Structure formats: structure tokens, C-alpha cells
Amino acid sequence: MEMQTHTLKPRLSFWQLWNMSFGFFGIQFGFALQNVNTSRIFATLGTSMDDLALCWLAAPVTGLLVQPVIGYLSDNTWHPTWGRRRPFFFLGAVLAATALFLMPNSMTVWMAVAVLWLMDASINVSMEPFRAFVGDKLDTSQQTAGFAMQTFLIGCGAVIASLLPIVFTNYLGVSNVPVGGAVPDSVRYAFYVGGAAFILAVTWTVFSSTELPPADLDRFQAQRKHSRNFGVALREIIGGFAHMPKTMVQLAFVQFFTWVALFALWIYTGAAISDNVYGTTDPLSAGYQEAGNWVGVMFAMYNGVSALAAFVLPVLARATSRKACHAVCLAIGGLSLASMFFIHDKYALMLPMIGVGLAWASVLTMPYAILAAALPANRMGYYMGLFNFFVVIPQVVSGLVLGWFTKHLFGNHAVFTLVLGGASMVIAAVLALFVTDRTERAGR
């Protein structure tokens, strides 16, 4: 595939990078609350262990449908006031905040699944244009720093959001006990705060940042009219698969094994430590709900590490290479995830979360920085959306098979599923070494 020449763009200051990325602080409230508490909500409402992963399928399937479409639409959007990506930031934020208020008030499993579908779709509408936003506004030499800023703010938002249930329980005296099969008040209030933070942070970016107009506005307008034809749009969205850059294909394999591991982490950590540390598998027991709160602390740890690592990784990448840096981080993360099998003390679980946090920082930074340099500027949003297929497909596969593995191979001991996830991340580390990074070839 022939690449377009990337024009030199103005170098942005620290605070300009901060403003354009700050929306991710709020977006991560949504994702962190979802990752920490969704399995807990499903289990509280009566979902069995082997059905947990199936219930989670709503999230990745939504991304599979939404991401490339939103990317394509944002590529073909321009408004002199609102710009290209910012309308999608704001619309997604309104819908996601609504879903965050609804999720903890679900009274049945299927209601929770439906709201998860809405929540994930809405978060994706806001999130994916943020990736393209970096490619739009930053020169190649500053893109790693731009994605690192996003990673830092993602980590900060996730730390706060992950700790909200235990803060409400331990410091504000809010009940952490499910009454009548309903979600505990500590979780409900956490989601309310998350909804407010989501929309406020995204609104900050919408009104504090500007966007660069298309280089040739007349040509862009003509192409946009052409793209509004449904048949043309559908052909272009589907046809992009056949023209993916080589780097994107290589990264797809890395992403597949990485996200199998992450999906296992998010779905099964609560059940794993409830069984392995607290000695219970009953979702309505006090121990299970306490384990749910502790998962928030663990996830706050790995997100906090990722926030700090975000500014170290670009330095390591320059000293070695981006793919080598990514490979090392993934290997450390995979081994850390698998090590949870041997840990039966809740405080000792903080140690592997350091390794997972290092891997998470790299997952949020390096693949996108490598990819952005390999994409045509006029289709940045579409290809960033298409790249999400390789985040979503492994989650769909995991949703279909991890429940069976957990029940039939692991005897419903979810900690073994975490070991499987760790092995998958180590495979991703090996594959990362074979990725072609265009900036390395260009000597930049």
C-alpha cells in the first residue's frame, strides 16, 4: 500500500498535549468502572462462572461494529467550529454518561448485558477518534509523546475510578452488601461519579483544543460528498482490509495475544482472588464482595504504574526501539499475570500488578505510535478504527472459549485462566520483535 507523505506539523507544548488528551481521563472512568465491576455485577445478579465471559461479549462485539464506522465517519467530517473528531468525543460522552448511570441499577442479567452494550458502544464513539486526533495534530516526531500523555491520563483516571467503591465503603460508610440481589450502593455511587467525570473531562478537551483543517478543503468537501453514498462508504469500510499496511498486519497478531490476556485479567481476577485468597466462590457472600473491592485496589495499582511508566517508555524506546520496548513490557506483564497463581495474600498481589501496569502502559502507547507512522493521513481515523478489530476479535474468541476452559479444564478455579492469559501475553511479546517500524527504517 502506497503511503502518503506526512507533512510537518507545529510542535505542541506540554499543556496543549494535556488539553487534547484530557478527555481520556474521563473516558477511563468508564472503562475502569466497567473492567473492575462488570463481572461482579453479573455475578451478583446471578450469572454462573462459566457464563461470565459470554455476558461480556456485548462489549467487544459492539467495538467490532462501531470502531471502523466511527473512524470512517470522523475522517469524512469537518465543521469550521467543531472540527473533525470533537463532535464524536462529545456525542459519545453524553451517551456513555447515561449508560454509567443505568448500569448499577440493572435488576436482571439481561438488562446489565444490554446496558453494557450501550456503554461500550458509547465509550468507543468517544475513544477511537482520540487515537486519530494524535495522528491529525502531531508530527511523527511527537506522536509517541502524544500517546504517552494519553496513557498517563488514562492511568490517572483509572486509579481514581478503580478505588471509588472501596473509598465509598471504607471512608464514607456506604454499604458494600447486596440487598435483595441488587448491586451494592458502593458500586452504584461509584458509577454515578464516573458518569459525571466522563462528560466533564471530554467537554474540557472539546472546548480547549482546536483541529487542523484538511490541507485541501475543496478536495476534501468533494470527497466527503462522494463518501456519503452508502454503497461507496460500505465498499471503502470493507475494502480497507485488503489494503492494510504491512505494519498493521504484524501488529494484529501482537494485539490478538495481548488482548486475550487482558480479557482474562478483567473478567476473572475477581473470581480468582475470591477463591485463591478469600476462600469463597459465593457472589452474595461478604468475602466475595470484599474481593471485588480489592480488585479495585489492584487495578488502581496497575493503572497507577502505567501512568508513571507512560513518560519512561518513550525514553526507553528511543534508547532501544519501540518494538523492543513493547516486547520487554509484554513479557514482564505476562509473567506477572501468571504469577498470581502462587499468591494467597492480598497485599502480595500488588507486586504482579506492577508488572501488569508496565505492560498496560506499553499496550496503550507503543502499538498506536508504531501504527500512526505507517498510516495515510487522510484515513487515519478509519484505520485506527479498523485496528480495533484486532483488539475486539481476541475478546470475542476469549468470550466464547474461556468460560469452557474455566469450567471443564480448570474446575471453575479462575486463577488458572489468569495463568493462561499470562502465557498468551508472553507469546505476544515474542511476536512484537518481528514488527516493522517505519520510523526505525527512516532513522527518526
Protein backbone atom coordinates (compact mmCIF):
# COMPACT_ATOMS: atom_id res chain seq x y z
CA MET A 1 0.00 0.00 0.00
CA GLU A 2 1.40 3.41 -1.00
CA MET A 3 1.75 5.82 1.91
CA GLN A 4 1.14 9.50 1.72
CA THR A 5 3.90 11.87 2.78
CA HIS A 6 3.32 13.15 6.31
CA THR A 7 3.61 16.94 6.35
CA LEU A 8 5.47 18.69 9.14
CA LYS A 9 3.04 19.90 11.81
CA PRO A 10 3.51 22.53 14.53
CA ARG A 11 5.16 21.24 17.69
CA LEU A 12 2.75 21.45 20.62
CA SER A 13 3.54 22.47 24.19
CA PHE A 14 3.04 20.25 27.24
CA TRP A 15 -0.26 21.95 28.09
CA GLN A 16 -1.56 21.65 24.53
CA LEU A 17 -0.83 17.92 24.69
CA TRP A 18 -2.55 17.85 28.09
CA ASN A 19 -5.70 19.60 26.86
CA MET A 20 -6.09 17.47 23.75
CA SER A 21 -5.66 14.29 25.80
CA PHE A 22 -7.59 15.23 28.96
CA GLY A 23 -10.81 13.66 27.69
CA PHE A 24 -9.14 10.28 28.12
CA PHE A 25 -9.06 10.94 31.88
CA GLY A 26 -12.86 10.84 31.84
CA ILE A 27 -13.14 8.05 29.28
CA GLN A 28 -11.08 5.84 31.52
CA PHE A 29 -13.54 6.34 34.37
CA GLY A 30 -15.97 4.48 32.14
CA PHE A 31 -13.57 1.71 31.16
CA ALA A 32 -12.13 1.26 34.65
CA LEU A 33 -15.53 1.01 36.31
CA GLN A 34 -16.56 -1.44 33.61
CA ASN A 35 -13.41 -3.57 33.91
CA VAL A 36 -13.39 -3.69 37.72
CA ASN A 37 -17.09 -4.13 38.40
CA THR A 38 -18.91 -5.74 35.45
CA SER A 39 -18.14 -9.35 36.39
CA ARG A 40 -19.09 -8.51 39.98
CA ILE A 41 -22.42 -7.04 38.82
CA PHE A 42 -23.14 -10.04 36.60
CA ALA A 43 -22.31 -12.48 39.41
CA THR A 44 -24.41 -10.55 41.94
CA LEU A 45 -27.36 -10.70 39.55
CA GLY A 46 -27.00 -14.48 39.28
CA THR A 47 -24.58 -15.22 36.40
CA SER A 48 -22.69 -18.51 36.77
CA MET A 49 -18.89 -18.69 36.46
CA ASP A 50 -18.91 -20.37 33.04
CA ASP A 51 -21.31 -17.74 31.63
CA LEU A 52 -19.33 -14.68 32.74
CA ALA A 53 -17.25 -14.46 29.57
CA LEU A 54 -20.34 -14.89 27.38
CA CYS A 55 -22.07 -11.99 29.12
CA TRP A 56 -19.02 -9.85 28.42
CA LEU A 57 -19.31 -10.49 24.67
CA ALA A 58 -21.58 -7.46 24.34
CA ALA A 59 -18.58 -5.18 24.85
CA PRO A 60 -16.18 -6.44 22.15
CA VAL A 61 -18.93 -7.15 19.61
CA THR A 62 -20.04 -3.53 19.96
CA GLY A 63 -16.49 -2.34 19.31
CA LEU A 64 -16.28 -4.58 16.26
CA LEU A 65 -19.27 -2.81 14.74
CA VAL A 66 -18.71 0.73 15.97
CA GLN A 67 -14.99 1.46 15.68
CA PRO A 68 -14.36 1.35 11.89
CA VAL A 69 -17.67 3.10 11.18
CA ILE A 70 -16.92 5.93 13.60
CA GLY A 71 -13.39 6.17 12.25
CA TYR A 72 -14.68 6.41 8.69
CA LEU A 73 -17.31 8.99 9.59
CA SER A 74 -14.86 11.14 11.53
CA ASP A 75 -12.40 11.04 8.63
CA ASN A 76 -15.15 12.46 6.43
CA THR A 77 -16.39 15.10 8.89
CA TRP A 78 -15.36 18.74 9.01
CA HIS A 79 -17.02 21.71 10.68
CA PRO A 80 -15.29 25.11 10.99
CA THR A 81 -16.21 25.32 14.70
CA TRP A 82 -16.45 21.72 15.89
CA GLY A 83 -13.71 20.27 13.69
CA ARG A 84 -13.42 16.63 12.69
CA ARG A 85 -13.09 14.44 15.80
CA ARG A 86 -14.59 16.59 18.56
CA PRO A 87 -18.28 16.07 17.62
CA PHE A 88 -17.75 12.35 18.20
CA PHE A 89 -15.97 12.95 21.51
CA PHE A 90 -18.96 14.88 22.82
CA LEU A 91 -21.77 12.66 21.48
CA GLY A 92 -20.10 9.54 22.86
CA ALA A 93 -19.62 11.22 26.25
CA VAL A 94 -23.31 12.07 26.61
CA LEU A 95 -24.37 8.52 25.77
CA ALA A 96 -21.67 6.90 27.92
CA ALA A 97 -22.56 9.01 30.96
CA THR A 98 -26.17 7.89 30.56
CA ALA A 99 -25.10 4.24 30.45
CA LEU A 100 -22.90 4.66 33.52
CA PHE A 101 -25.91 5.89 35.48
CA LEU A 102 -28.02 2.96 34.26
CA MET A 103 -25.54 0.07 34.70
CA PRO A 104 -25.53 -0.29 38.52
CA ASN A 105 -29.33 -0.04 38.57
CA SER A 106 -29.74 -3.17 36.44
CA MET A 107 -32.18 -5.59 38.06
CA THR A 108 -31.55 -8.60 35.78
CA VAL A 109 -28.56 -10.07 33.97
CA TRP A 110 -30.01 -9.31 30.55
CA MET A 111 -30.64 -5.70 31.49
CA ALA A 112 -27.00 -5.43 32.56
CA VAL A 113 -25.86 -7.00 29.28
CA ALA A 114 -27.98 -4.54 27.28
CA VAL A 115 -26.60 -1.56 29.22
CA LEU A 116 -23.05 -2.90 28.81
CA TRP A 117 -23.71 -2.91 25.07
CA LEU A 118 -24.80 0.73 25.17
CA MET A 119 -21.96 1.72 27.48
CA ASP A 120 -19.24 0.11 25.40
CA ALA A 121 -20.61 1.47 22.13
CA SER A 122 -20.77 4.97 23.59
CA ILE A 123 -17.27 4.82 25.07
CA ASN A 124 -15.97 3.64 21.69
CA VAL A 125 -17.65 6.56 19.92
CA SER A 126 -15.67 8.92 22.17
CA MET A 127 -12.45 6.95 22.41
CA GLU A 128 -11.37 5.94 18.93
CA PRO A 129 -11.34 9.44 17.41
CA PHE A 130 -8.93 10.38 20.23
CA ARG A 131 -6.36 7.99 18.71
CA ALA A 132 -6.76 9.61 15.30
CA PHE A 133 -6.65 13.04 16.98
CA VAL A 134 -2.98 12.46 17.81
CA GLY A 135 -2.21 11.50 14.23
CA ASP A 136 -4.08 14.56 12.96
CA LYS A 137 -2.41 17.16 15.17
CA LEU A 138 1.09 15.88 15.89
CA ASP A 139 4.13 15.45 13.72
CA THR A 140 5.58 11.93 13.66
CA SER A 141 8.41 13.02 15.95
CA GLN A 142 5.90 13.97 18.68
CA GLN A 143 3.35 11.18 18.29
CA THR A 144 4.94 8.86 20.86
CA ALA A 145 4.79 11.71 23.38
CA GLY A 146 1.14 12.33 22.44
CA PHE A 147 0.16 8.72 23.03
CA ALA A 148 2.21 8.71 26.24
CA MET A 149 0.21 11.71 27.50
CA GLN A 150 -2.98 9.79 26.76
CA THR A 151 -1.58 6.80 28.65
CA PHE A 152 -0.70 8.99 31.66
CA LEU A 153 -4.22 10.44 31.85
CA ILE A 154 -5.77 7.01 31.26
CA GLY A 155 -3.77 5.74 34.24
CA CYS A 156 -4.78 8.65 36.47
CA GLY A 157 -8.46 8.29 35.62
CA ALA A 158 -8.37 4.53 36.09
CA VAL A 159 -6.69 4.77 39.50
CA ILE A 160 -9.39 7.06 40.87
CA ALA A 161 -12.27 5.15 39.26
CA SER A 162 -10.97 1.75 40.42
CA LEU A 163 -10.74 2.93 44.03
CA LEU A 164 -14.19 4.53 44.18
CA PRO A 165 -16.11 1.50 45.56
CA ILE A 166 -13.63 0.89 48.38
CA VAL A 167 -13.49 4.63 49.16
CA PHE A 168 -17.27 4.74 49.47
CA THR A 169 -17.20 1.61 51.66
CA ASN A 170 -14.25 2.25 53.95
CA TYR A 171 -14.24 6.04 54.24
CA LEU A 172 -17.79 7.21 53.58
CA GLY A 173 -19.67 4.38 55.29
CA VAL A 174 -21.65 3.33 52.21
CA SER A 175 -22.96 -0.25 52.21
CA ASN A 176 -20.97 -2.82 50.24
CA VAL A 177 -23.55 -5.58 50.72
CA PRO A 178 -26.03 -6.58 48.01
CA VAL A 179 -29.59 -6.31 49.36
CA GLY A 180 -32.32 -8.33 47.68
CA GLY A 181 -29.93 -9.38 44.90
CA ALA A 182 -29.33 -5.76 43.87
CA VAL A 183 -25.93 -4.16 43.22
CA PRO A 184 -24.34 -2.70 46.41
CA ASP A 185 -24.69 1.04 46.99
CA SER A 186 -20.89 1.44 46.94
CA VAL A 187 -20.83 0.33 43.31
CA ARG A 188 -23.84 2.42 42.33
CA TYR A 189 -22.36 5.64 43.70
CA ALA A 190 -19.03 4.89 42.02
CA PHE A 191 -20.77 4.68 38.65
CA TYR A 192 -22.59 7.97 39.27
CA VAL A 193 -19.29 9.75 39.93
CA GLY A 194 -17.82 8.08 36.87
CA GLY A 195 -20.61 9.33 34.62
CA ALA A 196 -20.10 12.91 35.76
CA ALA A 197 -16.31 12.72 35.38
CA PHE A 198 -16.62 11.24 31.89
CA ILE A 199 -18.68 14.04 30.42
CA LEU A 200 -16.81 16.85 32.21
CA ALA A 201 -13.36 15.69 31.10
CA VAL A 202 -14.38 15.14 27.49
CA THR A 203 -16.07 18.54 27.40
CA TRP A 204 -12.78 20.10 28.56
CA THR A 205 -10.96 18.69 25.52
CA VAL A 206 -13.79 19.66 23.15
CA PHE A 207 -13.61 23.32 24.16
CA SER A 208 -9.89 23.70 24.94
CA SER A 209 -8.48 22.14 21.77
CA THR A 210 -8.61 23.05 18.10
CA GLU A 211 -8.22 20.93 14.98
CA LEU A 212 -6.26 21.43 11.81
CA PRO A 213 -8.46 21.79 8.71
CA PRO A 214 -7.88 19.45 5.74
CA ALA A 215 -4.90 20.57 3.67
CA ASP A 216 -7.07 20.90 0.54
CA LEU A 217 -10.53 21.82 1.83
CA ASP A 218 -12.21 21.94 -1.61
CA ARG A 219 -10.97 18.49 -2.48
CA PHE A 220 -11.98 17.22 0.96
CA GLN A 221 -15.52 18.57 0.51
CA ALA A 222 -15.81 16.87 -2.88
CA GLN A 223 -14.59 13.55 -1.45
CA ARG A 224 -16.95 13.91 1.51
CA LYS A 225 -19.96 14.23 -0.79
CA HIS A 226 -18.82 11.11 -2.59
CA SER A 227 -18.37 9.23 0.71
CA ARG A 228 -21.93 9.99 1.83
CA ASN A 229 -23.20 7.43 -0.68
CA PHE A 230 -23.98 4.35 1.43
CA GLY A 231 -22.69 1.89 -1.14
CA VAL A 232 -19.42 3.78 -1.52
CA ALA A 233 -18.99 4.04 2.24
CA LEU A 234 -19.63 0.32 2.75
CA ARG A 235 -17.16 -0.63 0.00
CA GLU A 236 -14.48 1.62 1.46
CA ILE A 237 -15.00 0.36 5.01
CA ILE A 238 -14.82 -3.30 3.97
CA GLY A 239 -12.21 -2.76 1.27
CA GLY A 240 -9.74 -1.34 3.76
CA PHE A 241 -8.96 -4.84 4.99
CA ALA A 242 -7.32 -5.68 1.67
CA HIS A 243 -5.06 -2.62 1.81
CA MET A 244 -3.79 -2.72 5.38
CA PRO A 245 -0.15 -1.67 5.73
CA LYS A 246 2.30 -4.46 6.50
CA THR A 247 3.00 -2.99 9.94
CA MET A 248 -0.70 -3.11 10.79
CA VAL A 249 -0.93 -6.80 9.84
CA GLN A 250 2.08 -7.62 12.02
CA LEU A 251 0.69 -5.66 14.95
CA ALA A 252 -2.63 -7.51 14.56
CA PHE A 253 -1.01 -10.74 15.73
CA VAL A 254 0.63 -9.00 18.68
CA GLN A 255 -2.70 -7.43 19.62
CA PHE A 256 -4.55 -10.75 19.42
CA PHE A 257 -2.48 -12.49 22.07
CA THR A 258 -2.18 -9.34 24.17
CA TRP A 259 -5.92 -8.85 24.41
CA VAL A 260 -6.68 -12.49 25.19
CA ALA A 261 -4.57 -11.89 28.30
CA LEU A 262 -6.23 -8.58 29.16
CA PHE A 263 -9.72 -10.01 28.70
CA ALA A 264 -8.84 -12.84 31.10
CA LEU A 265 -7.50 -10.29 33.59
CA TRP A 266 -10.63 -8.15 33.55
CA ILE A 267 -13.17 -10.98 33.64
CA TYR A 268 -11.59 -13.45 36.05
CA THR A 269 -9.41 -11.56 38.54
CA GLY A 270 -12.32 -11.04 40.95
CA ALA A 271 -13.34 -14.69 40.93
CA ALA A 272 -9.70 -15.81 41.06
CA ILE A 273 -8.73 -13.88 44.18
CA SER A 274 -12.09 -14.54 45.82
CA ASP A 275 -11.29 -18.25 45.51
CA ASN A 276 -7.50 -18.15 45.88
CA VAL A 277 -7.24 -15.54 48.65
CA TYR A 278 -10.65 -15.13 50.32
CA GLY A 279 -11.69 -18.79 50.10
CA THR A 280 -15.20 -18.25 48.70
CA THR A 281 -16.98 -18.55 45.36
CA ASP A 282 -20.40 -17.31 46.57
CA PRO A 283 -21.17 -13.95 44.87
CA LEU A 284 -23.59 -12.93 47.63
CA SER A 285 -21.08 -13.51 50.44
CA ALA A 286 -19.28 -10.69 52.22
CA GLY A 287 -15.93 -12.21 51.22
CA TYR A 288 -16.79 -12.15 47.52
CA GLN A 289 -17.86 -8.50 47.68
CA GLU A 290 -14.73 -7.63 49.68
CA ALA A 291 -12.68 -9.33 46.97
CA GLY A 292 -14.50 -7.16 44.44
CA ASN A 293 -13.37 -4.04 46.29
CA TRP A 294 -9.82 -5.36 46.50
CA VAL A 295 -9.77 -5.91 42.73
CA GLY A 296 -10.37 -2.16 42.51
CA VAL A 297 -7.24 -1.58 44.60
CA MET A 298 -5.23 -4.00 42.44
CA PHE A 299 -6.42 -2.38 39.23
CA ALA A 300 -5.67 1.05 40.69
CA MET A 301 -2.12 -0.17 41.28
CA TYR A 302 -1.52 -1.34 37.73
CA ASN A 303 -3.12 1.80 36.30
CA GLY A 304 -1.04 3.98 38.60
CA VAL A 305 2.11 2.22 37.43
CA SER A 306 1.04 2.72 33.82
CA ALA A 307 0.54 6.45 34.42
CA LEU A 308 4.10 6.77 35.74
CA ALA A 309 5.57 4.46 33.11
CA ALA A 310 3.96 6.49 30.32
CA PHE A 311 6.78 9.05 30.47
CA VAL A 312 9.55 6.50 30.90
CA LEU A 313 8.61 4.33 27.93
CA PRO A 314 9.38 6.93 25.23
CA VAL A 315 12.88 7.31 26.72
CA LEU A 316 13.39 3.52 26.68
CA ALA A 317 12.02 3.33 23.14
CA ARG A 318 14.49 5.96 21.92
CA ALA A 319 17.36 4.13 23.65
CA THR A 320 16.42 0.77 22.10
CA SER A 321 13.43 0.64 19.75
CA ARG A 322 9.69 0.88 20.15
CA LYS A 323 9.12 -2.78 19.29
CA ALA A 324 11.86 -3.98 21.66
CA CYS A 325 10.45 -1.82 24.43
CA HIS A 326 6.97 -3.22 23.79
CA ALA A 327 8.23 -6.81 23.74
CA VAL A 328 10.01 -6.46 27.10
CA CYS A 329 6.98 -4.84 28.73
CA LEU A 330 4.64 -7.55 27.44
CA ALA A 331 6.93 -10.32 28.68
CA ILE A 332 7.09 -8.77 32.16
CA GLY A 333 3.31 -8.35 32.18
CA GLY A 334 2.65 -11.92 31.10
CA LEU A 335 4.92 -13.44 33.73
CA SER A 336 3.39 -11.16 36.38
CA LEU A 337 -0.15 -12.19 35.47
CA ALA A 338 0.71 -15.89 35.62
CA SER A 339 2.45 -15.46 38.99
CA MET A 340 -0.88 -14.70 40.68
CA PHE A 341 -1.41 -18.47 40.84
CA PHE A 342 1.21 -18.68 43.60
CA ILE A 343 -0.03 -15.75 45.72
CA HIS A 344 -2.51 -16.23 48.59
CA ASP A 345 -2.05 -12.92 50.40
CA LYS A 346 -3.99 -9.92 49.15
CA TYR A 347 -1.19 -7.45 49.83
CA ALA A 348 1.34 -9.55 47.94
CA LEU A 349 -0.94 -9.27 44.88
CA MET A 350 0.28 -5.69 44.48
CA LEU A 351 3.64 -6.95 43.19
CA PRO A 352 2.38 -8.61 39.98
CA MET A 353 0.19 -5.56 39.37
CA ILE A 354 3.40 -3.56 38.89
CA GLY A 355 4.38 -5.80 36.00
CA VAL A 356 0.86 -5.73 34.56
CA GLY A 357 0.90 -1.94 34.79
CA LEU A 358 4.13 -1.73 32.84
CA ALA A 359 2.63 -3.91 30.11
CA TRP A 360 -0.60 -1.88 30.10
CA ALA A 361 1.32 1.37 29.63
CA SER A 362 3.08 -0.09 26.62
CA VAL A 363 -0.16 -1.54 25.19
CA LEU A 364 -1.72 1.94 25.28
CA THR A 365 1.29 3.66 23.75
CA MET A 366 3.62 1.65 21.53
CA PRO A 367 1.28 -0.12 19.07
CA TYR A 368 -0.50 3.16 18.26
CA ALA A 369 2.74 5.12 17.92
CA ILE A 370 4.17 2.47 15.59
CA LEU A 371 0.93 2.28 13.62
CA ALA A 372 0.39 6.04 13.23
CA ALA A 373 3.66 6.38 11.32
CA ALA A 374 2.53 3.71 8.84
CA LEU A 375 -0.92 5.13 8.01
CA PRO A 376 -2.10 7.54 5.28
CA ALA A 377 -3.03 10.85 6.90
CA ASN A 378 -6.40 11.13 5.14
CA ARG A 379 -7.57 7.75 6.50
CA MET A 380 -6.10 7.93 9.99
CA GLY A 381 -9.47 7.64 11.76
CA TYR A 382 -10.66 4.74 9.63
CA TYR A 383 -7.51 2.67 10.08
CA MET A 384 -7.32 3.40 13.80
CA GLY A 385 -10.91 2.15 13.98
CA LEU A 386 -10.10 -0.88 11.85
CA PHE A 387 -7.12 -1.61 14.10
CA ASN A 388 -9.61 -2.05 16.92
CA PHE A 389 -10.78 -5.25 15.18
CA PHE A 390 -7.58 -6.79 16.48
CA VAL A 391 -8.50 -5.70 19.98
CA VAL A 392 -12.06 -6.94 19.63
CA ILE A 393 -11.62 -10.28 17.82
CA PRO A 394 -9.46 -11.80 20.59
CA GLN A 395 -12.03 -10.68 23.14
CA VAL A 396 -14.81 -12.36 21.15
CA VAL A 397 -12.75 -15.54 20.92
CA SER A 398 -12.00 -15.34 24.64
CA GLY A 399 -15.66 -14.79 25.44
CA LEU A 400 -16.55 -17.95 23.56
CA VAL A 401 -13.85 -20.26 24.92
CA LEU A 402 -12.56 -19.01 28.29
CA GLY A 403 -15.75 -19.94 30.11
CA TRP A 404 -15.50 -23.50 28.76
CA PHE A 405 -11.82 -23.70 29.72
CA THR A 406 -12.52 -22.37 33.21
CA LYS A 407 -15.33 -24.84 33.85
CA HIS A 408 -14.16 -28.02 32.10
CA LEU A 409 -10.36 -27.79 32.21
CA PHE A 410 -9.77 -25.72 35.32
CA GLY A 411 -12.62 -26.95 37.56
CA ASN A 412 -14.00 -23.40 37.96
CA HIS A 413 -10.72 -22.24 39.51
CA ALA A 414 -10.38 -18.93 37.66
CA VAL A 415 -6.77 -18.43 38.74
CA PHE A 416 -5.74 -20.97 36.08
CA THR A 417 -7.42 -18.77 33.48
CA LEU A 418 -5.13 -15.95 34.58
CA VAL A 419 -2.13 -18.25 34.04
CA LEU A 420 -3.41 -18.95 30.52
CA GLY A 421 -3.69 -15.21 29.96
CA GLY A 422 -0.13 -14.70 31.14
CA ALA A 423 1.15 -17.29 28.66
CA SER A 424 -0.75 -15.55 25.87
CA MET A 425 0.91 -12.21 26.69
CA VAL A 426 4.36 -13.79 26.57
CA ILE A 427 3.57 -15.06 23.05
CA ALA A 428 2.60 -11.50 22.12
CA ALA A 429 5.99 -10.32 23.40
CA VAL A 430 7.82 -12.66 21.05
CA LEU A 431 5.70 -11.58 18.06
CA ALA A 432 6.34 -7.90 18.82
CA LEU A 433 10.01 -8.38 17.95
CA PHE A 434 9.07 -9.06 14.31
CA VAL A 435 7.05 -5.87 13.72
CA THR A 436 8.30 -3.40 11.10
CA ASP A 437 8.51 0.17 12.45
CA ARG A 438 8.77 2.73 9.62
CA THR A 439 10.37 5.37 11.83
CA GLU A 440 13.27 2.99 12.57
CA ARG A 441 13.86 2.46 8.89
CA ALA A 442 13.77 6.21 8.33
CA GLY A 443 16.24 6.74 11.15
CA ARG A 444 13.88 9.00 13.14
